[in-house]
């Protein structure tokens, strides 16, 4: 299996779920914070036009493909990889490793409602997972510095971020070297704790996004022949 793919000028990892989990387990033994990002179509389209998002994504220690459309665009849409990408089990498998290993997590998001929803999902499905705090990324510098201090007081092993782009990448760019955590895991827009919204409207939006994404990929490829 090809381990690196390139889509719209972005190099992404193409590891199996088992390989990605193994890499993340290694990160939990590090002292410096490693950045892991779940990559979906929306994030790649933002990265195309936002240089800071592109730079942060390019510098990620591990990227996890979260959309089969990305695999299709890279020409590596094998059945096994599509199944791994679509079944949504990776996040749950990672959380199981966290609570079995006794690791702690800190939750980040755009709103309190979002982090509360994620916390409820974790408490309902992974009751032994140690959640040491939650916070909201403030675009004001003073608020961001306060959040970094709050994170460093509780010393989480893992930060799980549901924060939207480019807000997440702006925060990482300014503060990642000052955060005392072993792993930052950005889970992207496909939030597992919000599956109740995955109805007809959600599926239709995904179809539209897929069409736009493939159009952008084709345009990028044609312009860079």
N, C-alpha and C. Protein backbone atom coordinates (compact mmCIF):
# COMPACT_ATOMS: atom_id res chain seq x y z
N UNK A 1 0.84 -1.19 0.00
CA UNK A 1 0.00 0.00 0.00
C UNK A 1 0.88 1.25 0.00
N UNK A 2 0.50 2.24 -0.82
CA UNK A 2 1.23 3.50 -0.88
C UNK A 2 1.05 4.26 0.43
N UNK A 3 2.15 4.65 1.06
CA UNK A 3 2.09 5.28 2.38
C UNK A 3 1.95 6.79 2.34
N UNK A 4 2.26 7.40 1.20
CA UNK A 4 2.11 8.85 1.05
C UNK A 4 1.31 9.13 -0.21
N UNK A 5 0.35 10.05 -0.11
CA UNK A 5 -0.42 10.45 -1.28
C UNK A 5 -0.36 11.97 -1.38
N UNK A 6 -0.64 12.48 -2.58
CA UNK A 6 -0.63 13.93 -2.80
C UNK A 6 -1.94 14.34 -3.45
N UNK A 7 -2.64 15.25 -2.79
CA UNK A 7 -3.91 15.75 -3.30
C UNK A 7 -3.90 17.27 -3.21
N UNK A 8 -4.09 17.94 -4.32
CA UNK A 8 -4.07 19.40 -4.42
C UNK A 8 -2.81 20.00 -3.79
N UNK A 9 -1.68 19.34 -4.04
CA UNK A 9 -0.42 19.84 -3.55
C UNK A 9 -0.13 19.53 -2.10
N UNK A 10 -1.03 18.83 -1.40
CA UNK A 10 -0.82 18.47 0.00
C UNK A 10 -0.41 17.01 0.10
N UNK A 11 0.72 16.76 0.75
CA UNK A 11 1.16 15.39 0.99
C UNK A 11 0.50 14.87 2.26
N UNK A 12 -0.17 13.74 2.15
CA UNK A 12 -0.88 13.16 3.27
C UNK A 12 -0.42 11.73 3.52
N UNK A 13 -0.50 11.31 4.78
CA UNK A 13 -0.19 9.92 5.11
C UNK A 13 -1.35 9.03 4.67
N UNK A 14 -1.02 7.82 4.23
CA UNK A 14 -2.03 6.85 3.82
C UNK A 14 -1.79 5.53 4.54
N UNK A 15 -1.75 5.61 5.87
CA UNK A 15 -1.55 4.42 6.69
C UNK A 15 -2.88 3.72 6.94
N UNK A 16 -2.80 2.43 7.20
CA UNK A 16 -3.98 1.71 7.66
C UNK A 16 -4.33 2.21 9.07
N UNK A 17 -5.55 1.94 9.51
CA UNK A 17 -5.94 2.34 10.86
C UNK A 17 -5.01 1.75 11.91
N UNK A 18 -4.63 0.51 11.74
CA UNK A 18 -3.74 -0.13 12.71
C UNK A 18 -2.38 0.57 12.74
N UNK A 19 -1.87 0.93 11.58
CA UNK A 19 -0.57 1.63 11.52
C UNK A 19 -0.67 3.01 12.16
N UNK A 20 -1.76 3.72 11.90
CA UNK A 20 -1.93 5.05 12.48
C UNK A 20 -2.04 4.98 14.00
N UNK A 21 -2.76 3.99 14.52
CA UNK A 21 -2.88 3.81 15.97
C UNK A 21 -1.52 3.51 16.58
N UNK A 22 -0.71 2.73 15.90
CA UNK A 22 0.62 2.42 16.40
C UNK A 22 1.50 3.67 16.46
N UNK A 23 1.41 4.51 15.43
CA UNK A 23 2.17 5.76 15.42
C UNK A 23 1.73 6.66 16.57
N UNK A 24 0.43 6.75 16.80
CA UNK A 24 -0.08 7.61 17.87
C UNK A 24 0.30 7.08 19.25
N UNK A 25 0.36 5.78 19.40
CA UNK A 25 0.84 5.21 20.66
C UNK A 25 2.28 5.63 20.92
N UNK A 26 3.08 5.68 19.86
CA UNK A 26 4.45 6.14 20.00
C UNK A 26 4.52 7.60 20.42
N UNK A 27 3.62 8.41 19.88
CA UNK A 27 3.59 9.82 20.26
C UNK A 27 3.30 10.00 21.75
N UNK A 28 2.51 9.10 22.32
CA UNK A 28 2.17 9.20 23.74
C UNK A 28 3.37 8.95 24.65
N UNK A 29 4.46 8.50 24.08
CA UNK A 29 5.69 8.30 24.85
C UNK A 29 6.65 9.47 24.71
N UNK A 30 6.31 10.43 23.84
CA UNK A 30 7.16 11.60 23.61
C UNK A 30 6.94 12.65 24.69
N UNK A 31 7.91 13.56 24.82
CA UNK A 31 7.76 14.68 25.73
C UNK A 31 7.24 15.92 25.00
N UNK A 32 7.65 16.10 23.74
CA UNK A 32 7.15 17.22 22.94
C UNK A 32 5.79 16.86 22.36
N UNK A 33 4.96 17.89 22.13
CA UNK A 33 3.62 17.63 21.61
C UNK A 33 3.65 17.31 20.13
N UNK A 34 2.97 16.23 19.75
CA UNK A 34 2.82 15.85 18.35
C UNK A 34 1.43 16.25 17.88
N UNK A 35 1.35 16.65 16.62
CA UNK A 35 0.09 17.11 16.04
C UNK A 35 -0.44 16.08 15.05
N UNK A 36 -1.64 15.56 15.33
CA UNK A 36 -2.31 14.60 14.47
C UNK A 36 -3.61 15.23 13.98
N UNK A 37 -3.88 15.12 12.69
CA UNK A 37 -5.09 15.73 12.14
C UNK A 37 -5.86 14.76 11.27
N UNK A 38 -7.17 14.64 11.54
CA UNK A 38 -8.07 13.95 10.65
C UNK A 38 -8.38 14.90 9.49
N UNK A 39 -8.15 14.45 8.27
CA UNK A 39 -8.28 15.32 7.09
C UNK A 39 -9.49 14.92 6.28
N UNK A 40 -10.41 15.87 6.09
CA UNK A 40 -11.57 15.64 5.25
C UNK A 40 -11.54 16.61 4.06
N UNK A 41 -12.54 16.50 3.21
CA UNK A 41 -12.58 17.34 2.01
C UNK A 41 -12.59 18.82 2.36
N UNK A 42 -13.39 19.19 3.36
CA UNK A 42 -13.52 20.59 3.72
C UNK A 42 -12.18 21.19 4.15
N UNK A 43 -11.42 20.44 4.92
CA UNK A 43 -10.13 20.94 5.38
C UNK A 43 -9.17 21.14 4.22
N UNK A 44 -9.14 20.20 3.29
CA UNK A 44 -8.25 20.35 2.13
C UNK A 44 -8.64 21.56 1.29
N UNK A 45 -9.94 21.82 1.15
CA UNK A 45 -10.37 22.97 0.36
C UNK A 45 -10.03 24.28 1.07
N UNK A 46 -10.09 24.29 2.40
CA UNK A 46 -9.66 25.47 3.15
C UNK A 46 -8.16 25.67 3.00
N UNK A 47 -7.40 24.58 3.09
CA UNK A 47 -5.94 24.66 2.98
C UNK A 47 -5.50 25.19 1.62
N UNK A 48 -6.30 24.94 0.60
CA UNK A 48 -5.94 25.40 -0.74
C UNK A 48 -5.85 26.92 -0.80
N UNK A 49 -6.70 27.61 -0.02
CA UNK A 49 -6.75 29.07 -0.10
C UNK A 49 -6.20 29.77 1.14
N UNK A 50 -5.92 29.02 2.21
CA UNK A 50 -5.42 29.62 3.45
C UNK A 50 -4.01 29.10 3.71
N UNK A 51 -3.03 29.98 3.58
CA UNK A 51 -1.63 29.57 3.67
C UNK A 51 -1.27 29.05 5.05
N UNK A 52 -1.84 29.63 6.11
CA UNK A 52 -1.51 29.17 7.45
C UNK A 52 -2.05 27.77 7.72
N UNK A 53 -3.28 27.51 7.25
CA UNK A 53 -3.84 26.16 7.38
C UNK A 53 -2.98 25.17 6.61
N UNK A 54 -2.59 25.54 5.42
CA UNK A 54 -1.74 24.67 4.60
C UNK A 54 -0.42 24.38 5.29
N UNK A 55 0.19 25.41 5.87
CA UNK A 55 1.48 25.21 6.55
C UNK A 55 1.35 24.31 7.76
N UNK A 56 0.32 24.51 8.57
CA UNK A 56 0.13 23.67 9.75
C UNK A 56 -0.15 22.23 9.36
N UNK A 57 -0.98 22.05 8.35
CA UNK A 57 -1.30 20.70 7.90
C UNK A 57 -0.06 20.02 7.32
N UNK A 58 0.74 20.77 6.59
CA UNK A 58 1.97 20.22 6.03
C UNK A 58 2.94 19.80 7.13
N UNK A 59 2.89 20.50 8.26
CA UNK A 59 3.80 20.20 9.36
C UNK A 59 3.26 19.19 10.35
N UNK A 60 2.07 18.66 10.11
CA UNK A 60 1.48 17.68 11.04
C UNK A 60 2.36 16.44 11.12
N UNK A 61 2.44 15.87 12.31
CA UNK A 61 3.25 14.67 12.52
C UNK A 61 2.55 13.43 11.96
N UNK A 62 1.23 13.49 11.82
CA UNK A 62 0.47 12.39 11.24
C UNK A 62 -0.85 12.94 10.71
N UNK A 63 -1.20 12.58 9.49
CA UNK A 63 -2.52 12.92 8.95
C UNK A 63 -3.30 11.63 8.72
N UNK A 64 -4.59 11.69 9.00
CA UNK A 64 -5.47 10.54 8.85
C UNK A 64 -6.57 10.90 7.86
N UNK A 65 -6.63 10.19 6.76
CA UNK A 65 -7.64 10.49 5.74
C UNK A 65 -9.03 10.15 6.26
N UNK A 66 -9.94 11.12 6.19
CA UNK A 66 -11.27 10.91 6.73
C UNK A 66 -12.38 10.89 5.70
N UNK A 67 -12.02 10.95 4.41
CA UNK A 67 -13.02 10.93 3.34
C UNK A 67 -12.55 10.03 2.21
N UNK A 68 -13.44 9.17 1.73
CA UNK A 68 -13.07 8.31 0.62
C UNK A 68 -12.81 9.12 -0.65
N UNK A 69 -13.41 10.33 -0.74
CA UNK A 69 -13.19 11.19 -1.91
C UNK A 69 -11.71 11.56 -2.03
N UNK A 70 -11.02 11.69 -0.92
CA UNK A 70 -9.59 12.00 -0.94
C UNK A 70 -8.81 10.81 -1.50
N UNK A 71 -9.19 9.60 -1.09
CA UNK A 71 -8.53 8.41 -1.61
C UNK A 71 -8.78 8.27 -3.11
N UNK A 72 -10.01 8.58 -3.53
CA UNK A 72 -10.35 8.51 -4.95
C UNK A 72 -9.54 9.52 -5.75
N UNK A 73 -9.38 10.73 -5.21
CA UNK A 73 -8.62 11.76 -5.91
C UNK A 73 -7.16 11.38 -6.06
N UNK A 74 -6.66 10.62 -5.09
CA UNK A 74 -5.25 10.19 -5.12
C UNK A 74 -5.06 8.89 -5.89
N UNK A 75 -6.15 8.27 -6.31
CA UNK A 75 -6.06 7.02 -7.06
C UNK A 75 -5.70 5.81 -6.22
N UNK A 76 -6.04 5.85 -4.93
CA UNK A 76 -5.70 4.73 -4.02
C UNK A 76 -6.95 4.23 -3.30
N UNK A 77 -8.09 4.33 -3.95
CA UNK A 77 -9.36 3.96 -3.29
C UNK A 77 -9.59 2.46 -3.32
N UNK A 78 -8.74 1.73 -2.60
CA UNK A 78 -8.92 0.30 -2.47
C UNK A 78 -10.03 0.02 -1.46
N UNK A 79 -10.69 -1.12 -1.59
CA UNK A 79 -11.86 -1.43 -0.77
C UNK A 79 -11.53 -1.39 0.72
N UNK A 80 -10.40 -1.96 1.11
CA UNK A 80 -10.04 -1.99 2.53
C UNK A 80 -9.89 -0.58 3.09
N UNK A 81 -9.22 0.30 2.34
CA UNK A 81 -9.02 1.66 2.82
C UNK A 81 -10.34 2.43 2.85
N UNK A 82 -11.20 2.21 1.86
CA UNK A 82 -12.50 2.88 1.87
C UNK A 82 -13.30 2.45 3.09
N UNK A 83 -13.30 1.16 3.37
CA UNK A 83 -14.03 0.66 4.54
C UNK A 83 -13.48 1.25 5.83
N UNK A 84 -12.15 1.33 5.94
CA UNK A 84 -11.54 1.90 7.14
C UNK A 84 -11.92 3.37 7.28
N UNK A 85 -11.95 4.07 6.17
CA UNK A 85 -12.23 5.51 6.19
C UNK A 85 -13.69 5.78 6.51
N UNK A 86 -14.58 4.93 6.02
CA UNK A 86 -16.01 5.18 6.13
C UNK A 86 -16.66 4.62 7.39
N UNK A 87 -16.04 3.62 8.03
CA UNK A 87 -16.74 2.96 9.14
C UNK A 87 -16.74 3.75 10.44
N UNK A 88 -15.88 4.76 10.54
CA UNK A 88 -15.90 5.62 11.72
C UNK A 88 -15.38 4.98 12.99
N UNK A 89 -14.66 3.86 12.87
CA UNK A 89 -14.20 3.15 14.06
C UNK A 89 -12.87 3.65 14.61
N UNK A 90 -12.14 4.42 13.81
CA UNK A 90 -10.79 4.80 14.22
C UNK A 90 -10.80 5.60 15.52
N UNK A 91 -11.67 6.59 15.59
CA UNK A 91 -11.74 7.44 16.79
C UNK A 91 -12.05 6.61 18.03
N UNK A 92 -13.01 5.69 17.91
CA UNK A 92 -13.37 4.85 19.03
C UNK A 92 -12.21 3.94 19.44
N UNK A 93 -11.50 3.39 18.46
CA UNK A 93 -10.37 2.51 18.77
C UNK A 93 -9.26 3.29 19.49
N UNK A 94 -9.06 4.53 19.08
CA UNK A 94 -8.05 5.36 19.75
C UNK A 94 -8.45 5.66 21.18
N UNK A 95 -9.72 5.98 21.40
CA UNK A 95 -10.20 6.27 22.75
C UNK A 95 -10.06 5.06 23.67
N UNK A 96 -10.30 3.87 23.13
CA UNK A 96 -10.13 2.65 23.93
C UNK A 96 -8.69 2.51 24.39
N UNK A 97 -7.75 2.82 23.52
CA UNK A 97 -6.34 2.75 23.90
C UNK A 97 -6.02 3.78 24.98
N UNK A 98 -6.66 4.93 24.91
CA UNK A 98 -6.40 5.97 25.91
C UNK A 98 -6.86 5.54 27.30
N UNK A 99 -8.12 5.03 27.40
CA UNK A 99 -8.58 4.69 28.74
C UNK A 99 -7.92 3.42 29.26
N UNK A 100 -7.54 2.51 28.37
CA UNK A 100 -6.82 1.32 28.82
C UNK A 100 -5.42 1.67 29.31
N UNK A 101 -4.84 2.71 28.72
CA UNK A 101 -3.51 3.14 29.13
C UNK A 101 -3.51 4.16 30.25
N UNK A 102 -4.70 4.59 30.68
CA UNK A 102 -4.80 5.55 31.77
C UNK A 102 -4.43 6.97 31.38
N UNK A 103 -4.52 7.29 30.09
CA UNK A 103 -4.16 8.63 29.63
C UNK A 103 -5.30 9.61 29.85
N UNK A 104 -4.95 10.87 30.04
CA UNK A 104 -5.96 11.91 30.28
C UNK A 104 -6.17 12.74 29.02
N UNK A 105 -7.37 13.34 28.91
CA UNK A 105 -7.69 14.14 27.73
C UNK A 105 -8.27 15.49 28.14
N UNK A 106 -8.04 16.46 27.26
CA UNK A 106 -8.60 17.80 27.40
C UNK A 106 -9.36 18.10 26.12
N UNK A 107 -10.55 18.66 26.23
CA UNK A 107 -11.42 18.87 25.07
C UNK A 107 -11.42 20.34 24.64
N UNK A 108 -11.27 20.57 23.35
CA UNK A 108 -11.30 21.92 22.80
C UNK A 108 -12.34 22.02 21.70
N UNK A 109 -12.95 23.20 21.57
CA UNK A 109 -13.93 23.39 20.50
C UNK A 109 -14.20 24.85 20.24
N UNK A 110 -15.14 25.11 19.35
CA UNK A 110 -15.54 26.47 19.01
C UNK A 110 -16.49 27.05 20.05
N UNK A 111 -17.34 26.18 20.62
CA UNK A 111 -18.35 26.64 21.57
C UNK A 111 -18.42 25.68 22.75
N UNK A 112 -18.97 26.17 23.85
CA UNK A 112 -19.16 25.32 25.02
C UNK A 112 -20.13 24.19 24.71
N UNK A 113 -21.14 24.48 23.89
CA UNK A 113 -22.12 23.46 23.52
C UNK A 113 -21.44 22.30 22.80
N UNK A 114 -20.46 22.63 21.97
CA UNK A 114 -19.76 21.60 21.20
C UNK A 114 -18.91 20.71 22.11
N UNK A 115 -18.17 21.32 23.03
CA UNK A 115 -17.34 20.52 23.93
C UNK A 115 -18.21 19.75 24.93
N UNK A 116 -19.34 20.33 25.32
CA UNK A 116 -20.27 19.60 26.19
C UNK A 116 -20.82 18.36 25.49
N UNK A 117 -21.13 18.51 24.19
CA UNK A 117 -21.65 17.37 23.43
C UNK A 117 -20.59 16.29 23.29
N UNK A 118 -19.36 16.68 23.05
CA UNK A 118 -18.27 15.71 22.96
C UNK A 118 -18.04 15.02 24.31
N UNK A 119 -18.09 15.80 25.38
CA UNK A 119 -17.90 15.23 26.72
C UNK A 119 -18.99 14.22 27.04
N UNK A 120 -20.22 14.54 26.68
CA UNK A 120 -21.33 13.61 26.92
C UNK A 120 -21.13 12.32 26.13
N UNK A 121 -20.71 12.45 24.86
CA UNK A 121 -20.44 11.27 24.04
C UNK A 121 -19.37 10.39 24.69
N UNK A 122 -18.31 11.02 25.18
CA UNK A 122 -17.22 10.27 25.80
C UNK A 122 -17.68 9.61 27.10
N UNK A 123 -18.43 10.35 27.91
CA UNK A 123 -18.91 9.78 29.18
C UNK A 123 -19.88 8.62 28.95
N UNK A 124 -20.70 8.73 27.90
CA UNK A 124 -21.68 7.69 27.61
C UNK A 124 -21.04 6.43 27.04
N UNK A 125 -19.97 6.60 26.28
CA UNK A 125 -19.39 5.46 25.56
C UNK A 125 -18.03 5.00 26.09
N UNK A 126 -17.35 5.86 26.84
CA UNK A 126 -16.03 5.51 27.37
C UNK A 126 -15.94 6.05 28.79
N UNK A 127 -16.76 5.47 29.66
CA UNK A 127 -16.97 6.03 30.99
C UNK A 127 -15.71 6.06 31.84
N UNK A 128 -14.71 5.26 31.51
CA UNK A 128 -13.49 5.23 32.31
C UNK A 128 -12.41 6.18 31.76
N UNK A 129 -12.72 6.88 30.68
CA UNK A 129 -11.76 7.83 30.12
C UNK A 129 -11.62 9.03 31.05
N UNK A 130 -10.39 9.42 31.30
CA UNK A 130 -10.11 10.51 32.23
C UNK A 130 -10.13 11.85 31.50
N UNK A 131 -11.20 12.63 31.71
CA UNK A 131 -11.33 13.95 31.10
C UNK A 131 -10.95 14.99 32.16
N UNK A 132 -9.89 15.75 31.89
CA UNK A 132 -9.37 16.67 32.91
C UNK A 132 -9.76 18.12 32.67
N UNK A 133 -10.46 18.40 31.57
CA UNK A 133 -10.89 19.77 31.34
C UNK A 133 -11.42 19.98 29.94
N UNK A 134 -12.00 21.16 29.73
CA UNK A 134 -12.48 21.53 28.41
C UNK A 134 -12.38 23.04 28.26
N UNK A 135 -12.21 23.49 27.01
CA UNK A 135 -12.05 24.92 26.80
C UNK A 135 -12.46 25.34 25.40
N UNK A 136 -12.56 26.64 25.22
CA UNK A 136 -12.94 27.23 23.95
C UNK A 136 -11.79 28.09 23.45
N UNK A 137 -11.44 27.94 22.20
CA UNK A 137 -10.37 28.75 21.63
C UNK A 137 -10.89 30.15 21.36
N UNK A 138 -10.26 31.12 22.01
CA UNK A 138 -10.61 32.53 21.87
C UNK A 138 -9.65 33.16 20.87
N UNK A 139 -10.19 33.86 19.89
CA UNK A 139 -9.33 34.46 18.88
C UNK A 139 -8.53 35.64 19.41
N UNK A 140 -8.92 36.18 20.56
CA UNK A 140 -8.15 37.26 21.18
C UNK A 140 -6.91 36.67 21.85
N UNK A 141 -5.79 37.35 21.73
CA UNK A 141 -4.52 36.82 22.23
C UNK A 141 -4.54 36.60 23.73
N UNK A 142 -5.17 37.51 24.48
CA UNK A 142 -5.21 37.36 25.94
C UNK A 142 -5.99 36.12 26.33
N UNK A 143 -7.11 35.87 25.65
CA UNK A 143 -7.89 34.68 25.93
C UNK A 143 -7.16 33.42 25.57
N UNK A 144 -6.40 33.45 24.48
CA UNK A 144 -5.63 32.28 24.06
C UNK A 144 -4.54 31.95 25.06
N UNK A 145 -3.87 32.96 25.56
CA UNK A 145 -2.81 32.73 26.56
C UNK A 145 -3.40 32.16 27.85
N UNK A 146 -4.57 32.63 28.23
CA UNK A 146 -5.24 32.10 29.42
C UNK A 146 -5.58 30.63 29.22
N UNK A 147 -6.04 30.27 28.02
CA UNK A 147 -6.38 28.89 27.72
C UNK A 147 -5.15 28.00 27.79
N UNK A 148 -4.04 28.45 27.24
CA UNK A 148 -2.79 27.68 27.31
C UNK A 148 -2.40 27.44 28.76
N UNK A 149 -2.53 28.45 29.59
CA UNK A 149 -2.21 28.29 31.01
C UNK A 149 -3.12 27.28 31.68
N UNK A 150 -4.42 27.32 31.33
CA UNK A 150 -5.37 26.37 31.92
C UNK A 150 -5.04 24.94 31.50
N UNK A 151 -4.64 24.77 30.24
CA UNK A 151 -4.26 23.43 29.77
C UNK A 151 -3.03 22.94 30.51
N UNK A 152 -2.05 23.81 30.65
CA UNK A 152 -0.78 23.41 31.26
C UNK A 152 -0.91 23.13 32.75
N UNK A 153 -1.90 23.69 33.40
CA UNK A 153 -2.12 23.41 34.82
C UNK A 153 -2.56 21.96 35.01
N UNK A 154 -3.43 21.45 34.14
CA UNK A 154 -3.94 20.08 34.30
C UNK A 154 -3.08 19.04 33.59
N UNK A 155 -2.15 19.47 32.73
CA UNK A 155 -1.19 18.59 32.06
C UNK A 155 -1.86 17.37 31.40
N UNK A 156 -2.72 17.59 30.42
CA UNK A 156 -3.35 16.43 29.76
C UNK A 156 -2.36 15.69 28.88
N UNK A 157 -2.58 14.40 28.71
CA UNK A 157 -1.76 13.65 27.76
C UNK A 157 -2.18 13.97 26.33
N UNK A 158 -3.50 14.11 26.11
CA UNK A 158 -4.03 14.31 24.76
C UNK A 158 -5.03 15.46 24.76
N UNK A 159 -4.92 16.31 23.75
CA UNK A 159 -5.93 17.33 23.49
C UNK A 159 -6.75 16.86 22.29
N UNK A 160 -8.05 16.74 22.47
CA UNK A 160 -8.95 16.39 21.37
C UNK A 160 -9.65 17.68 20.94
N UNK A 161 -9.41 18.09 19.70
CA UNK A 161 -9.92 19.36 19.22
C UNK A 161 -10.99 19.17 18.16
N UNK A 162 -12.17 19.75 18.42
CA UNK A 162 -13.24 19.80 17.42
C UNK A 162 -13.30 21.19 16.79
N UNK A 163 -12.28 21.99 17.03
CA UNK A 163 -12.26 23.37 16.59
C UNK A 163 -12.21 23.47 15.07
N UNK A 164 -12.96 24.42 14.54
CA UNK A 164 -13.00 24.60 13.08
C UNK A 164 -11.73 25.26 12.57
N UNK A 165 -11.50 25.09 11.28
CA UNK A 165 -10.39 25.76 10.60
C UNK A 165 -10.93 27.03 9.95
N UNK A 166 -10.15 28.12 9.93
CA UNK A 166 -8.72 28.22 10.27
C UNK A 166 -8.43 28.59 11.72
N UNK A 167 -9.46 28.64 12.58
CA UNK A 167 -9.24 29.04 13.97
C UNK A 167 -8.26 28.10 14.67
N UNK A 168 -8.41 26.79 14.47
CA UNK A 168 -7.52 25.84 15.12
C UNK A 168 -6.08 26.06 14.70
N UNK A 169 -5.85 26.23 13.40
CA UNK A 169 -4.48 26.36 12.90
C UNK A 169 -3.84 27.67 13.36
N UNK A 170 -4.63 28.74 13.48
CA UNK A 170 -4.10 30.00 13.99
C UNK A 170 -3.63 29.84 15.44
N UNK A 171 -4.43 29.10 16.22
CA UNK A 171 -4.06 28.85 17.62
C UNK A 171 -2.80 27.99 17.70
N UNK A 172 -2.74 26.95 16.89
CA UNK A 172 -1.56 26.08 16.89
C UNK A 172 -0.32 26.85 16.48
N UNK A 173 -0.44 27.66 15.45
CA UNK A 173 0.70 28.42 14.96
C UNK A 173 1.28 29.32 16.04
N UNK A 174 0.41 29.90 16.86
CA UNK A 174 0.85 30.84 17.88
C UNK A 174 1.30 30.16 19.17
N UNK A 175 0.73 28.98 19.50
CA UNK A 175 0.91 28.46 20.85
C UNK A 175 1.39 27.01 20.96
N UNK A 176 1.54 26.29 19.86
CA UNK A 176 1.83 24.86 19.98
C UNK A 176 3.13 24.57 20.72
N UNK A 177 4.09 25.47 20.65
CA UNK A 177 5.37 25.24 21.33
C UNK A 177 5.30 25.49 22.83
N UNK A 178 4.16 26.02 23.29
CA UNK A 178 4.02 26.34 24.71
C UNK A 178 3.04 25.43 25.43
N UNK A 179 2.45 24.49 24.70
CA UNK A 179 1.42 23.62 25.30
C UNK A 179 2.07 22.34 25.85
N UNK A 180 1.75 22.04 27.10
CA UNK A 180 2.31 20.84 27.75
C UNK A 180 1.33 19.68 27.58
N UNK A 181 1.42 19.03 26.46
CA UNK A 181 0.62 17.84 26.18
C UNK A 181 1.45 16.96 25.25
N UNK A 182 1.10 15.69 25.18
CA UNK A 182 1.86 14.78 24.33
C UNK A 182 1.31 14.70 22.91
N UNK A 183 0.02 14.98 22.77
CA UNK A 183 -0.60 14.79 21.47
C UNK A 183 -1.79 15.73 21.30
N UNK A 184 -1.84 16.40 20.17
CA UNK A 184 -3.01 17.20 19.77
C UNK A 184 -3.67 16.44 18.64
N UNK A 185 -4.94 16.08 18.84
CA UNK A 185 -5.68 15.31 17.83
C UNK A 185 -6.85 16.14 17.35
N UNK A 186 -6.74 16.68 16.14
CA UNK A 186 -7.84 17.41 15.53
C UNK A 186 -8.74 16.43 14.79
N UNK A 187 -10.01 16.36 15.17
CA UNK A 187 -10.88 15.33 14.59
C UNK A 187 -11.71 15.84 13.41
N UNK A 188 -11.51 17.11 13.01
CA UNK A 188 -12.15 17.59 11.80
C UNK A 188 -13.63 17.87 11.95
N UNK A 189 -14.31 17.97 10.83
CA UNK A 189 -15.71 18.37 10.84
C UNK A 189 -16.67 17.19 11.04
N UNK A 190 -16.20 15.96 10.84
CA UNK A 190 -17.07 14.79 10.97
C UNK A 190 -17.08 14.30 12.42
N UNK A 191 -17.74 15.06 13.27
CA UNK A 191 -17.69 14.82 14.70
C UNK A 191 -18.50 13.58 15.08
N UNK A 192 -17.87 12.60 15.71
CA UNK A 192 -18.58 11.36 16.05
C UNK A 192 -19.69 11.57 17.07
N UNK A 193 -19.59 12.62 17.88
CA UNK A 193 -20.61 12.86 18.90
C UNK A 193 -21.82 13.57 18.34
N UNK A 194 -21.81 13.87 17.05
CA UNK A 194 -22.93 14.58 16.45
C UNK A 194 -23.57 13.79 15.33
N UNK A 195 -23.53 12.45 15.45
CA UNK A 195 -24.04 11.60 14.39
C UNK A 195 -25.55 11.70 14.22
N UNK A 196 -26.26 12.23 15.20
CA UNK A 196 -27.70 12.36 15.06
C UNK A 196 -28.07 13.31 13.93
N UNK A 197 -27.11 14.16 13.53
CA UNK A 197 -27.39 15.10 12.43
C UNK A 197 -27.05 14.50 11.08
N UNK A 198 -26.62 13.23 11.05
CA UNK A 198 -26.22 12.60 9.79
C UNK A 198 -27.45 12.08 9.04
N UNK A 199 -28.44 12.93 8.86
CA UNK A 199 -29.65 12.54 8.15
C UNK A 199 -29.56 12.89 6.68
N UNK A 200 -30.74 13.01 6.06
CA UNK A 200 -30.80 13.27 4.63
C UNK A 200 -30.11 14.58 4.27
N UNK A 201 -30.35 15.63 5.06
CA UNK A 201 -29.72 16.92 4.78
C UNK A 201 -28.20 16.82 4.86
N UNK A 202 -27.72 16.11 5.88
CA UNK A 202 -26.28 15.95 6.03
C UNK A 202 -25.69 15.18 4.86
N UNK A 203 -26.36 14.12 4.45
CA UNK A 203 -25.85 13.32 3.33
C UNK A 203 -25.84 14.13 2.04
N UNK A 204 -26.88 14.95 1.85
CA UNK A 204 -26.94 15.78 0.66
C UNK A 204 -25.80 16.80 0.65
N UNK A 205 -25.52 17.38 1.80
CA UNK A 205 -24.40 18.33 1.89
C UNK A 205 -23.08 17.65 1.58
N UNK A 206 -22.95 16.40 2.00
CA UNK A 206 -21.71 15.66 1.71
C UNK A 206 -21.58 15.40 0.21
N UNK A 207 -22.70 15.11 -0.44
CA UNK A 207 -22.68 14.89 -1.90
C UNK A 207 -22.25 16.16 -2.61
N UNK A 208 -22.83 17.30 -2.19
CA UNK A 208 -22.47 18.58 -2.80
C UNK A 208 -21.00 18.88 -2.56
N UNK A 209 -20.54 18.67 -1.33
CA UNK A 209 -19.12 18.92 -1.00
C UNK A 209 -18.21 18.04 -1.84
N UNK A 210 -18.62 16.78 -2.06
CA UNK A 210 -17.81 15.87 -2.85
C UNK A 210 -17.69 16.36 -4.29
N UNK A 211 -18.79 16.86 -4.84
CA UNK A 211 -18.75 17.36 -6.22
C UNK A 211 -17.85 18.58 -6.33
N UNK A 212 -17.97 19.50 -5.36
CA UNK A 212 -17.10 20.68 -5.35
C UNK A 212 -15.65 20.28 -5.20
N UNK A 213 -15.40 19.33 -4.30
CA UNK A 213 -14.03 18.86 -4.06
C UNK A 213 -13.42 18.27 -5.32
N UNK A 214 -14.14 17.38 -5.99
CA UNK A 214 -13.61 16.76 -7.21
C UNK A 214 -13.38 17.80 -8.30
N UNK A 215 -14.24 18.81 -8.36
CA UNK A 215 -14.05 19.89 -9.33
C UNK A 215 -12.75 20.64 -9.03
N UNK A 216 -12.51 20.93 -7.74
CA UNK A 216 -11.29 21.65 -7.36
C UNK A 216 -10.05 20.80 -7.62
N UNK A 217 -10.16 19.50 -7.36
CA UNK A 217 -9.02 18.61 -7.62
C UNK A 217 -8.69 18.59 -9.11
N UNK A 218 -9.72 18.44 -9.94
CA UNK A 218 -9.50 18.41 -11.38
C UNK A 218 -8.91 19.73 -11.88
N UNK A 219 -9.42 20.83 -11.35
CA UNK A 219 -8.89 22.14 -11.74
C UNK A 219 -7.42 22.27 -11.34
N UNK A 220 -7.10 21.85 -10.11
CA UNK A 220 -5.71 21.92 -9.63
C UNK A 220 -4.80 21.07 -10.51
N UNK A 221 -5.25 19.86 -10.82
CA UNK A 221 -4.42 18.96 -11.63
C UNK A 221 -4.21 19.50 -13.03
N UNK A 222 -5.24 20.08 -13.62
CA UNK A 222 -5.12 20.63 -14.95
C UNK A 222 -4.18 21.83 -14.99
N UNK A 223 -4.22 22.63 -13.92
CA UNK A 223 -3.35 23.80 -13.86
C UNK A 223 -1.91 23.46 -13.53
N UNK A 224 -1.68 22.24 -13.06
CA UNK A 224 -0.32 21.87 -12.66
C UNK A 224 0.21 20.68 -13.46
N UNK A 225 -0.27 20.54 -14.68
CA UNK A 225 0.24 19.49 -15.57
C UNK A 225 1.69 19.77 -15.95
